[in-house]
C-alpha atoms as a PDB file:
ATOM      1  CA  MET A   1      -5.633  -2.117  33.016  1.00  0.00           C
ATOM      2  CA  LEU A   2      -5.988  -3.071  29.393  1.00  0.00           C
ATOM      3  CA  LEU A   3      -5.709  -0.322  26.806  1.00  0.00           C
ATOM      4  CA  HIS A   4      -8.719  -1.484  24.815  1.00  0.00           C
ATOM      5  CA  ARG A   5     -10.873  -0.719  27.864  1.00  0.00           C
ATOM      6  CA  ILE A   6      -9.484   2.795  28.206  1.00  0.00           C
ATOM      7  CA  PHE A   7      -9.863   4.009  24.636  1.00  0.00           C
ATOM      8  CA  ARG A   8     -13.133   4.223  22.785  1.00  0.00           C
ATOM      9  CA  ASP A   9     -13.541   3.150  19.175  1.00  0.00           C
ATOM     10  CA  GLU A  10     -14.951   5.310  16.374  1.00  0.00           C
ATOM     11  CA  GLU A  11     -18.585   4.585  17.274  1.00  0.00           C
ATOM     12  CA  GLY A  12     -18.072   5.739  20.880  1.00  0.00           C
ATOM     13  CA  ALA A  13     -18.299   2.319  22.530  1.00  0.00           C
ATOM     14  CA  ASP A  14     -15.497   0.736  24.477  1.00  0.00           C
ATOM     15  CA  ALA A  15     -13.086  -0.817  22.024  1.00  0.00           C
ATOM     16  CA  GLY A  16     -13.182  -4.113  23.915  1.00  0.00           C
ATOM     17  CA  ALA A  17     -16.989  -4.175  24.215  1.00  0.00           C
ATOM     18  CA  VAL A  18     -17.630  -5.369  20.696  1.00  0.00           C
ATOM     19  CA  CYS A  19     -15.937  -8.329  19.104  1.00  0.00           C
ATOM     20  CA  SER A  20     -13.800  -7.308  16.147  1.00  0.00           C
ATOM     21  CA  CYS A  21     -15.722  -9.685  13.874  1.00  0.00           C
ATOM     22  CA  ALA A  22     -19.019  -8.074  14.851  1.00  0.00           C
ATOM     23  CA  ARG A  23     -17.907  -4.520  14.120  1.00  0.00           C
ATOM     24  CA  ARG A  24     -19.324  -2.701  11.189  1.00  0.00           C
ATOM     25  CA  ALA A  25     -17.293  -3.281   8.039  1.00  0.00           C
ATOM     26  CA  ARG A  26     -15.552  -0.164   6.801  1.00  0.00           C
ATOM     27  CA  PRO A  27     -15.790   0.656   3.111  1.00  0.00           C
ATOM     28  CA  ALA A  28     -12.675  -0.229   1.163  1.00  0.00           C
ATOM     29  CA  VAL A  29     -10.552   2.730   0.126  1.00  0.00           C
ATOM     30  CA  PRO A  30      -9.288   2.458  -3.444  1.00  0.00           C
ATOM     31  CA  GLY A  31      -5.550   1.930  -3.327  1.00  0.00           C
ATOM     32  CA  VAL A  32      -2.930   2.701  -5.932  1.00  0.00           C
ATOM     33  CA  VAL A  33       0.759   1.973  -6.358  1.00  0.00           C
ATOM     34  CA  LEU A  34       3.060   4.858  -7.253  1.00  0.00           C
ATOM     35  CA  PRO A  35       6.553   3.782  -8.355  1.00  0.00           C
ATOM     36  CA  VAL A  36       9.275   6.324  -7.562  1.00  0.00           C
ATOM     37  CA  ARG A  37      12.826   5.869  -8.873  1.00  0.00           C
ATOM     38  CA  LEU A  38      15.718   7.377  -6.943  1.00  0.00           C
ATOM     39  CA  ALA A  39      19.484   7.353  -7.119  1.00  0.00           C
ATOM     40  CA  ARG A  40      20.783   4.333  -5.222  1.00  0.00           C
ATOM     41  CA  GLU A  41      21.422   5.029  -1.566  1.00  0.00           C
ATOM     42  CA  PRO A  42      21.465   2.812   1.507  1.00  0.00           C
ATOM     43  CA  ALA A  43      17.975   1.516   2.266  1.00  0.00           C
ATOM     44  CA  LEU A  44      17.903   3.185   5.669  1.00  0.00           C
ATOM     45  CA  ARG A  45      18.589   6.608   4.143  1.00  0.00           C
ATOM     46  CA  VAL A  46      15.850   6.103   1.534  1.00  0.00           C
ATOM     47  CA  ARG A  47      13.382   5.174   4.274  1.00  0.00           C
ATOM     48  CA  GLN A  48      14.376   8.194   6.360  1.00  0.00           C
ATOM     49  CA  ARG A  49      13.917  10.526   3.397  1.00  0.00           C
ATOM     50  CA  LEU A  50      10.501   9.024   2.596  1.00  0.00           C
ATOM     51  CA  HIS A  51       9.292   9.375   6.169  1.00  0.00           C
ATOM     52  CA  ALA A  52      10.583  12.952   6.340  1.00  0.00           C
ATOM     53  CA  ALA A  53       8.935  13.900   3.032  1.00  0.00           C
ATOM     54  CA  LEU A  54       5.561  12.205   3.377  1.00  0.00           C
ATOM     55  CA  GLY A  55       5.029  11.978   7.127  1.00  0.00           C
ATOM     56  CA  PRO A  56       1.548  10.662   7.947  1.00  0.00           C
ATOM     57  CA  LEU A  57       0.666  10.194   4.260  1.00  0.00           C
ATOM     58  CA  LEU A  58       3.186   7.381   3.989  1.00  0.00           C
ATOM     59  CA  GLY A  59       1.458   4.033   4.124  1.00  0.00           C
ATOM     60  CA  THR A  60       3.046   0.770   3.144  1.00  0.00           C
ATOM     61  CA  TYR A  61       5.760   0.611   0.529  1.00  0.00           C
ATOM     62  CA  ARG A  62       8.200  -1.788  -1.091  1.00  0.00           C
ATOM     63  CA  LEU A  63      11.818  -0.858  -1.690  1.00  0.00           C
ATOM     64  CA  SER A  64      13.706  -2.492  -4.543  1.00  0.00           C
ATOM     65  CA  VAL A  65      17.433  -1.873  -4.972  1.00  0.00           C
ATOM     66  CA  ASP A  66      18.839  -2.594  -8.441  1.00  0.00           C
ATOM     67  CA  ALA A  67      22.116  -4.485  -8.163  1.00  0.00           C
ATOM     68  CA  VAL A  68      23.266  -3.563 -11.685  1.00  0.00           C
ATOM     69  CA  ARG A  69      22.170   0.031 -12.204  1.00  0.00           C
ATOM     70  CA  PRO A  70      22.677   2.776  -9.610  1.00  0.00           C
ATOM     71  CA  VAL A  71      18.948   3.183  -8.890  1.00  0.00           C
ATOM     72  CA  CYS A  72      16.425   2.049  -6.341  1.00  0.00           C
ATOM     73  CA  THR A  73      12.678   1.977  -6.814  1.00  0.00           C
ATOM     74  CA  VAL A  74      10.118   2.569  -4.098  1.00  0.00           C
ATOM     75  CA  TYR A  75       6.586   1.316  -4.734  1.00  0.00           C
ATOM     76  CA  LEU A  76       4.336   3.493  -2.568  1.00  0.00           C
ATOM     77  CA  HIS A  77       0.895   2.131  -1.678  1.00  0.00           C
ATOM     78  CA  LEU A  78      -1.337   5.186  -1.380  1.00  0.00           C
ATOM     79  CA  ARG A  79      -4.971   6.134  -1.240  1.00  0.00           C
ATOM     80  CA  GLU A  80      -6.210   7.489  -4.540  1.00  0.00           C
ATOM     81  CA  ALA A  81      -7.159  10.812  -2.946  1.00  0.00           C
ATOM     82  CA  ASP A  82      -3.601  11.364  -1.633  1.00  0.00           C
ATOM     83  CA  ILE A  83      -1.698  11.029  -4.919  1.00  0.00           C
ATOM     84  CA  GLY A  84      -1.467  14.746  -5.699  1.00  0.00           C
ATOM     85  CA  GLU A  85      -0.271  15.809  -2.278  1.00  0.00           C
ATOM     86  CA  CYS A  86       2.241  12.943  -2.094  1.00  0.00           C
ATOM     87  CA  MET A  87       3.691  13.845  -5.479  1.00  0.00           C
ATOM     88  CA  ASP A  88       3.987  17.511  -4.437  1.00  0.00           C
ATOM     89  CA  ARG A  89       5.816  16.567  -1.253  1.00  0.00           C
ATOM     90  CA  LEU A  90       8.107  14.119  -3.051  1.00  0.00           C
ATOM     91  CA  MET A  91       9.033  16.671  -5.733  1.00  0.00           C
ATOM     92  CA  ALA A  92       9.890  19.223  -3.045  1.00  0.00           C
ATOM     93  CA  ALA A  93      11.963  16.829  -0.921  1.00  0.00           C
ATOM     94  CA  LEU A  94      13.466  14.625  -3.660  1.00  0.00           C
ATOM     95  CA  PRO A  95      13.839  16.778  -6.803  1.00  0.00           C
ATOM     96  CA  MET A  96      15.746  14.088  -8.727  1.00  0.00           C
ATOM     97  CA  ALA A  97      13.037  11.444  -8.194  1.00  0.00           C
ATOM     98  CA  GLU A  98      11.294   9.988 -11.249  1.00  0.00           C
ATOM     99  CA  PHE A  99       7.679   8.891 -11.088  1.00  0.00           C
ATOM    100  CA  GLY A 100       6.478   5.751 -12.790  1.00  0.00           C
ATOM    101  CA  ARG A 101       3.068   4.663 -13.995  1.00  0.00           C
ATOM    102  CA  ILE A 102       0.359   4.643 -11.340  1.00  0.00           C
ATOM    103  CA  GLY A 103      -1.378   1.288 -11.009  1.00  0.00           C
ATOM    104  CA  ARG A 104      -4.044  -0.311  -8.857  1.00  0.00           C
ATOM    105  CA  VAL A 105      -3.152  -2.337  -5.788  1.00  0.00           C
ATOM    106  CA  ALA A 106      -3.597  -5.970  -6.775  1.00  0.00           C
ATOM    107  CA  HIS A 107      -5.881  -6.913  -3.875  1.00  0.00           C
ATOM    108  CA  ASP A 108      -8.270  -4.042  -4.707  1.00  0.00           C
ATOM    109  CA  LEU A 109      -9.068  -5.482  -8.122  1.00  0.00           C
ATOM    110  CA  PRO A 110     -12.179  -7.648  -8.445  1.00  0.00           C
ATOM    111  CA  ARG A 111     -11.306 -11.286  -8.412  1.00  0.00           C
ATOM    112  CA  PRO A 112     -12.017 -13.285 -11.538  1.00  0.00           C
ATOM    113  CA  ALA A 113     -14.788 -15.836 -11.406  1.00  0.00           C
ATOM    114  CA  GLU A 114     -13.781 -19.284 -10.293  1.00  0.00           C
ATOM    115  CA  PRO A 115     -12.697 -21.327 -13.291  1.00  0.00           C
ATOM    116  CA  SER A 116     -14.836 -24.322 -14.021  1.00  0.00           C
ATOM    117  CA  PRO A 117     -13.218 -27.636 -13.190  1.00  0.00           C
ATOM    118  CA  PRO A 118     -11.481 -29.261 -16.137  1.00  0.00           C
ATOM    119  CA  LYS A 119     -13.589 -31.748 -18.035  1.00  0.00           C
ATOM    120  CA  VAL A 120     -12.354 -35.286 -17.957  1.00  0.00           C
ATOM    121  CA  LEU A 121     -12.243 -36.970 -21.318  1.00  0.00           C
ATOM    122  CA  HIS A 122     -12.212 -40.731 -21.383  1.00  0.00           C
ATOM    123  CA  VAL A 123     -10.398 -42.178 -24.348  1.00  0.00           C
ATOM    124  CA  ARG A 124     -10.755 -45.835 -25.169  1.00  0.00           C
ATOM    125  CA  ALA A 125      -8.273 -47.579 -27.343  1.00  0.00           C
END
Protein backbone atom coordinates (compact mmCIF):
# COMPACT_ATOMS: atom_id res chain seq x y z
CA MET A 1 0.00 0.00 0.00
CA LEU A 2 1.32 3.41 -0.90
CA LEU A 3 1.81 5.91 1.89
CA HIS A 4 0.21 8.78 0.00
CA ARG A 5 -3.06 6.83 0.04
CA ILE A 6 -2.90 6.27 3.79
CA PHE A 7 -2.21 9.80 4.96
CA ARG A 8 -4.46 12.75 4.32
CA ASP A 9 -3.17 16.16 3.28
CA GLU A 10 -3.93 19.44 5.05
CA GLU A 11 -7.30 19.91 3.32
CA GLY A 12 -8.52 16.47 4.46
CA ALA A 13 -8.43 14.76 1.06
CA ASP A 14 -6.26 11.79 0.26
CA ALA A 15 -2.78 13.04 -0.49
CA GLY A 16 -2.70 11.07 -3.74
CA ALA A 17 -6.17 12.21 -4.86
CA VAL A 18 -5.08 15.61 -6.08
CA CYS A 19 -2.18 16.22 -8.40
CA SER A 20 0.56 18.23 -6.74
CA CYS A 21 0.36 20.87 -9.49
CA ALA A 22 -3.37 21.32 -8.89
CA ARG A 23 -3.06 21.86 -5.14
CA ARG A 24 -3.69 25.24 -3.70
CA ALA A 25 -0.54 27.35 -3.60
CA ARG A 26 0.64 28.09 -0.08
CA PRO A 27 1.60 31.66 0.75
CA ALA A 28 5.34 32.23 0.83
CA VAL A 29 6.82 32.63 4.29
CA PRO A 30 9.36 35.44 4.49
CA GLY A 31 12.77 33.90 5.01
CA VAL A 32 15.87 35.39 6.56
CA VAL A 33 19.50 34.35 6.90
CA LEU A 34 21.10 34.55 10.34
CA PRO A 35 24.90 34.19 10.31
CA VAL A 36 26.33 32.64 13.48
CA ARG A 37 30.09 32.49 14.07
CA LEU A 38 31.52 29.75 16.26
CA ALA A 39 34.93 28.51 17.29
CA ARG A 40 36.17 26.03 14.69
CA GLU A 41 35.16 22.47 15.43
CA PRO A 42 34.63 19.44 13.22
CA ALA A 43 31.60 19.93 10.98
CA LEU A 44 29.79 16.94 12.46
CA ARG A 45 30.06 18.37 15.98
CA VAL A 46 28.76 21.76 14.82
CA ARG A 47 25.79 20.07 13.16
CA GLN A 48 25.06 18.01 16.27
CA ARG A 49 25.16 21.10 18.47
CA LEU A 50 22.84 23.00 16.10
CA HIS A 51 20.32 20.17 16.00
CA ALA A 52 20.44 19.81 19.78
CA ALA A 53 19.98 23.56 20.34
CA LEU A 54 17.31 24.36 17.76
CA GLY A 55 15.48 21.08 17.28
CA PRO A 56 12.44 21.51 15.03
CA LEU A 57 13.18 25.21 14.44
CA LEU A 58 16.27 24.31 12.45
CA GLY A 59 15.59 24.56 8.75
CA THR A 60 18.24 24.62 6.09
CA TYR A 61 21.68 26.02 6.77
CA ARG A 62 25.10 26.42 5.19
CA LEU A 63 28.28 25.70 7.11
CA SER A 64 31.47 27.50 6.15
CA VAL A 65 34.77 26.56 7.79
CA ASP A 66 37.52 29.19 7.60
CA ALA A 67 40.83 27.56 6.68
CA VAL A 68 42.94 30.47 8.00
CA ARG A 69 41.20 31.64 11.16
CA PRO A 70 39.93 29.26 13.86
CA VAL A 71 36.24 30.02 13.19
CA CYS A 72 33.34 28.51 11.32
CA THR A 73 30.22 30.34 10.23
CA VAL A 74 26.77 28.83 10.00
CA TYR A 75 24.22 30.63 7.84
CA LEU A 76 20.82 29.64 9.24
CA HIS A 77 17.80 29.99 6.95
CA LEU A 78 14.89 30.78 9.25
CA ARG A 79 11.37 32.08 9.15
CA GLU A 80 11.16 35.70 10.21
CA ALA A 81 8.82 34.84 13.08
CA ASP A 82 11.33 32.34 14.56
CA ILE A 83 14.35 34.65 14.87
CA GLY A 84 13.85 35.57 18.53
CA GLU A 85 13.33 32.05 19.77
CA CYS A 86 16.25 30.72 17.71
CA MET A 87 18.58 33.38 19.09
CA ASP A 88 17.46 32.59 22.66
CA ARG A 89 18.13 28.89 22.16
CA LEU A 90 21.50 29.51 20.50
CA MET A 91 22.65 31.85 23.29
CA ALA A 92 21.70 29.24 25.90
CA ALA A 93 23.38 26.32 24.11
CA LEU A 94 26.34 28.12 22.49
CA PRO A 95 27.28 31.06 24.76
CA MET A 96 30.42 31.91 22.77
CA ALA A 97 28.53 32.22 19.46
CA GLU A 98 28.53 35.58 17.67
CA PHE A 99 25.57 36.69 15.61
CA GLY A 100 25.99 38.47 12.31
CA ARG A 101 23.72 40.77 10.36
CA ILE A 102 20.32 39.32 9.50
CA GLY A 103 19.55 39.40 5.79
CA ARG A 104 16.80 38.27 3.45
CA VAL A 105 16.97 34.94 1.66
CA ALA A 106 17.93 35.74 -1.92
CA HIS A 107 15.06 33.83 -3.55
CA ASP A 108 12.49 35.72 -1.43
CA LEU A 109 13.46 39.06 -2.93
CA PRO A 110 11.41 40.35 -5.87
CA ARG A 111 13.15 39.71 -9.12
CA PRO A 112 14.24 42.70 -11.14
CA ALA A 113 12.42 43.41 -14.37
CA GLU A 114 13.81 41.74 -17.43
CA PRO A 115 16.46 43.95 -19.00
CA SER A 116 15.64 45.19 -22.45
CA PRO A 117 17.65 43.55 -25.20
CA PRO A 118 20.74 45.51 -26.19
CA LYS A 119 20.26 47.85 -29.11
CA VAL A 120 22.27 47.04 -32.16
CA LEU A 121 24.10 49.98 -33.65
CA HIS A 122 25.16 49.73 -37.25
CA VAL A 123 28.28 51.68 -38.05
CA ARG A 124 29.25 52.29 -41.63
CA ALA A 125 32.75 53.24 -42.55
